[in-house]
Amino acid sequence: MARSRLRRVSGARKALLRSLVTALFQHGQIKTTESKAKELRHVADKMISLAKRGDLHARRQAEGFIMDKAVTKKLFDEIAKKYTDRNGGYTRIVKLDGRLGDNAPEVIIALVD
């Protein structure tokens, strides 16, 4: 399945998704554009699935992607435990009005409780 390139080269796209997923796990919810949130959803689900696995290899893979070790610890110790009985669908996207200036569709992406 093809993913959106978000009008960025691959390095900039990966850096953007890394920072977005780090902020999402750090704060629990973030406000961003709709297209970025739709791409972020796939990455966040993958990171939570790694955390649910919980072995050393999964932790090292997550630490290689998430930009803050404290956030990785929070992901494995707190967030993964909330979703042990859930198979996917860890995030929720709520649509907001258009952004001031360019009217880009904005959303809030949050972790499901």
C-alpha atoms as a PDB file:
ATOM      1  CA  MET A   1       0.000   0.000   0.000  1.00  0.00           C
ATOM      2  CA  ALA A   2       1.484   3.324  -1.060  1.00  0.00           C
ATOM      3  CA  ARG A   3       1.962   6.008   1.574  1.00  0.00           C
ATOM      4  CA  SER A   4       1.800   9.750   1.073  1.00  0.00           C
ATOM      5  CA  ARG A   5       5.141  11.479   0.546  1.00  0.00           C
ATOM      6  CA  LEU A   6       3.929  14.680   2.229  1.00  0.00           C
ATOM      7  CA  ARG A   7       5.792  16.737  -0.426  1.00  0.00           C
ATOM      8  CA  ARG A   8       9.137  15.965   1.222  1.00  0.00           C
ATOM      9  CA  VAL A   9      12.252  14.024   0.368  1.00  0.00           C
ATOM     10  CA  SER A  10      12.627  10.750   2.243  1.00  0.00           C
ATOM     11  CA  GLY A  11      15.016  12.039   4.916  1.00  0.00           C
ATOM     12  CA  ALA A  12      12.856  15.036   5.779  1.00  0.00           C
ATOM     13  CA  ARG A  13       9.723  12.850   5.810  1.00  0.00           C
ATOM     14  CA  LYS A  14      11.314  10.360   8.206  1.00  0.00           C
ATOM     15  CA  ALA A  15      12.516  13.183  10.492  1.00  0.00           C
ATOM     16  CA  LEU A  16       9.028  14.710  10.495  1.00  0.00           C
ATOM     17  CA  LEU A  17       7.360  11.409  11.414  1.00  0.00           C
ATOM     18  CA  ARG A  18       9.966  10.724  14.109  1.00  0.00           C
ATOM     19  CA  SER A  19       9.336  14.080  15.766  1.00  0.00           C
ATOM     20  CA  LEU A  20       5.550  13.747  15.465  1.00  0.00           C
ATOM     21  CA  VAL A  21       5.458  10.255  16.999  1.00  0.00           C
ATOM     22  CA  THR A  22       7.774  11.388  19.809  1.00  0.00           C
ATOM     23  CA  ALA A  23       5.497  14.347  20.581  1.00  0.00           C
ATOM     24  CA  LEU A  24       2.380  12.162  20.412  1.00  0.00           C
ATOM     25  CA  PHE A  25       3.709   9.685  22.978  1.00  0.00           C
ATOM     26  CA  GLN A  26       5.090  12.473  25.156  1.00  0.00           C
ATOM     27  CA  HIS A  27       1.897  14.551  25.329  1.00  0.00           C
ATOM     28  CA  GLY A  28      -0.851  12.018  24.533  1.00  0.00           C
ATOM     29  CA  GLN A  29      -2.334  14.178  21.778  1.00  0.00           C
ATOM     30  CA  ILE A  30      -1.102  16.707  19.230  1.00  0.00           C
ATOM     31  CA  LYS A  31      -2.634  19.128  16.752  1.00  0.00           C
ATOM     32  CA  THR A  32      -1.436  18.817  13.163  1.00  0.00           C
ATOM     33  CA  THR A  33      -2.693  18.734   9.584  1.00  0.00           C
ATOM     34  CA  GLU A  34      -4.920  15.919   8.400  1.00  0.00           C
ATOM     35  CA  SER A  35      -2.460  14.388   5.938  1.00  0.00           C
ATOM     36  CA  LYS A  36       0.357  14.314   8.516  1.00  0.00           C
ATOM     37  CA  ALA A  37      -1.967  12.726  11.076  1.00  0.00           C
ATOM     38  CA  LYS A  38      -3.015   9.994   8.660  1.00  0.00           C
ATOM     39  CA  GLU A  39       0.626   9.072   8.063  1.00  0.00           C
ATOM     40  CA  LEU A  40       1.461   9.383  11.751  1.00  0.00           C
ATOM     41  CA  ARG A  41      -1.295   6.912  12.630  1.00  0.00           C
ATOM     42  CA  HIS A  42       0.537   4.056  10.873  1.00  0.00           C
ATOM     43  CA  VAL A  43       3.857   4.817  12.548  1.00  0.00           C
ATOM     44  CA  ALA A  44       2.308   5.173  16.017  1.00  0.00           C
ATOM     45  CA  ASP A  45       0.460   1.859  15.660  1.00  0.00           C
ATOM     46  CA  LYS A  46       3.707   0.163  14.673  1.00  0.00           C
ATOM     47  CA  MET A  47       5.562   1.612  17.677  1.00  0.00           C
ATOM     48  CA  ILE A  48       2.817   0.539  20.095  1.00  0.00           C
ATOM     49  CA  SER A  49       2.845  -2.957  18.587  1.00  0.00           C
ATOM     50  CA  LEU A  50       6.617  -3.090  19.170  1.00  0.00           C
ATOM     51  CA  ALA A  51       6.110  -1.962  22.757  1.00  0.00           C
ATOM     52  CA  LYS A  52       3.459  -4.613  23.325  1.00  0.00           C
ATOM     53  CA  ARG A  53       5.956  -7.240  22.176  1.00  0.00           C
ATOM     54  CA  GLY A  54       8.294  -5.919  24.834  1.00  0.00           C
ATOM     55  CA  ASP A  55      11.483  -7.846  24.059  1.00  0.00           C
ATOM     56  CA  LEU A  56      14.966  -6.351  23.759  1.00  0.00           C
ATOM     57  CA  HIS A  57      14.965  -6.274  19.968  1.00  0.00           C
ATOM     58  CA  ALA A  58      11.646  -4.393  19.907  1.00  0.00           C
ATOM     59  CA  ARG A  59      12.965  -1.877  22.461  1.00  0.00           C
ATOM     60  CA  ARG A  60      16.067  -1.232  20.383  1.00  0.00           C
ATOM     61  CA  GLN A  61      14.005  -0.786  17.230  1.00  0.00           C
ATOM     62  CA  ALA A  62      11.775   1.738  19.006  1.00  0.00           C
ATOM     63  CA  GLU A  63      14.770   3.602  20.460  1.00  0.00           C
ATOM     64  CA  GLY A  64      16.189   3.866  16.963  1.00  0.00           C
ATOM     65  CA  PHE A  65      13.055   5.667  15.795  1.00  0.00           C
ATOM     66  CA  ILE A  66      11.771   7.638  18.795  1.00  0.00           C
ATOM     67  CA  MET A  67      13.915  10.686  19.483  1.00  0.00           C
ATOM     68  CA  ASP A  68      13.808  10.677  23.311  1.00  0.00           C
ATOM     69  CA  LYS A  69      14.766   7.764  25.555  1.00  0.00           C
ATOM     70  CA  ALA A  70      12.391   8.932  28.288  1.00  0.00           C
ATOM     71  CA  VAL A  71       9.503   8.761  25.807  1.00  0.00           C
ATOM     72  CA  THR A  72      10.584   5.249  24.791  1.00  0.00           C
ATOM     73  CA  LYS A  73      10.563   4.213  28.448  1.00  0.00           C
ATOM     74  CA  LYS A  74       7.082   5.717  28.857  1.00  0.00           C
ATOM     75  CA  LEU A  75       5.911   3.869  25.733  1.00  0.00           C
ATOM     76  CA  PHE A  76       7.097   0.478  26.979  1.00  0.00           C
ATOM     77  CA  ASP A  77       6.186   0.913  30.662  1.00  0.00           C
ATOM     78  CA  GLU A  78       2.875   2.821  30.555  1.00  0.00           C
ATOM     79  CA  ILE A  79       1.340   3.094  27.091  1.00  0.00           C
ATOM     80  CA  ALA A  80       1.834  -0.533  26.005  1.00  0.00           C
ATOM     81  CA  LYS A  81       0.199  -1.818  29.199  1.00  0.00           C
ATOM     82  CA  LYS A  82      -2.998   0.125  28.407  1.00  0.00           C
ATOM     83  CA  TYR A  83      -3.368  -1.677  25.064  1.00  0.00           C
ATOM     84  CA  THR A  84      -2.592  -5.293  25.957  1.00  0.00           C
ATOM     85  CA  ASP A  85      -6.109  -6.466  25.093  1.00  0.00           C
ATOM     86  CA  ARG A  86      -6.498  -4.236  21.993  1.00  0.00           C
ATOM     87  CA  ASN A  87      -5.458  -5.290  18.487  1.00  0.00           C
ATOM     88  CA  GLY A  88      -4.776  -2.061  16.605  1.00  0.00           C
ATOM     89  CA  GLY A  89      -6.649   1.211  16.441  1.00  0.00           C
ATOM     90  CA  TYR A  90      -4.613   2.929  19.137  1.00  0.00           C
ATOM     91  CA  THR A  91      -5.159   6.481  17.851  1.00  0.00           C
ATOM     92  CA  ARG A  92      -8.167   8.706  17.213  1.00  0.00           C
ATOM     93  CA  ILE A  93      -8.348  11.570  14.717  1.00  0.00           C
ATOM     94  CA  VAL A  94     -10.775  14.431  15.438  1.00  0.00           C
ATOM     95  CA  LYS A  95     -11.261  17.003  12.688  1.00  0.00           C
ATOM     96  CA  LEU A  96     -11.068  20.740  13.427  1.00  0.00           C
ATOM     97  CA  ASP A  97     -11.600  23.870  11.365  1.00  0.00           C
ATOM     98  CA  GLY A  98      -9.129  25.004   8.731  1.00  0.00           C
ATOM     99  CA  ARG A  99      -5.873  26.606   9.800  1.00  0.00           C
ATOM    100  CA  LEU A 100      -5.729  30.396   9.762  1.00  0.00           C
ATOM    101  CA  GLY A 101      -3.675  31.607   6.832  1.00  0.00           C
ATOM    102  CA  ASP A 102      -3.867  28.766   4.338  1.00  0.00           C
ATOM    103  CA  ASN A 103      -7.068  26.989   5.446  1.00  0.00           C
ATOM    104  CA  ALA A 104      -5.289  23.628   5.681  1.00  0.00           C
ATOM    105  CA  PRO A 105      -7.520  20.991   7.338  1.00  0.00           C
ATOM    106  CA  GLU A 106      -6.336  20.535  10.905  1.00  0.00           C
ATOM    107  CA  VAL A 107      -6.985  17.632  13.275  1.00  0.00           C
ATOM    108  CA  ILE A 108      -6.175  16.480  16.763  1.00  0.00           C
ATOM    109  CA  ILE A 109      -4.626  13.022  16.861  1.00  0.00           C
ATOM    110  CA  ALA A 110      -4.802  11.418  20.284  1.00  0.00           C
ATOM    111  CA  LEU A 111      -4.146   8.075  21.890  1.00  0.00           C
ATOM    112  CA  VAL A 112      -7.361   6.154  22.604  1.00  0.00           C
ATOM    113  CA  ASP A 113      -8.035   5.607  26.308  1.00  0.00           C
END
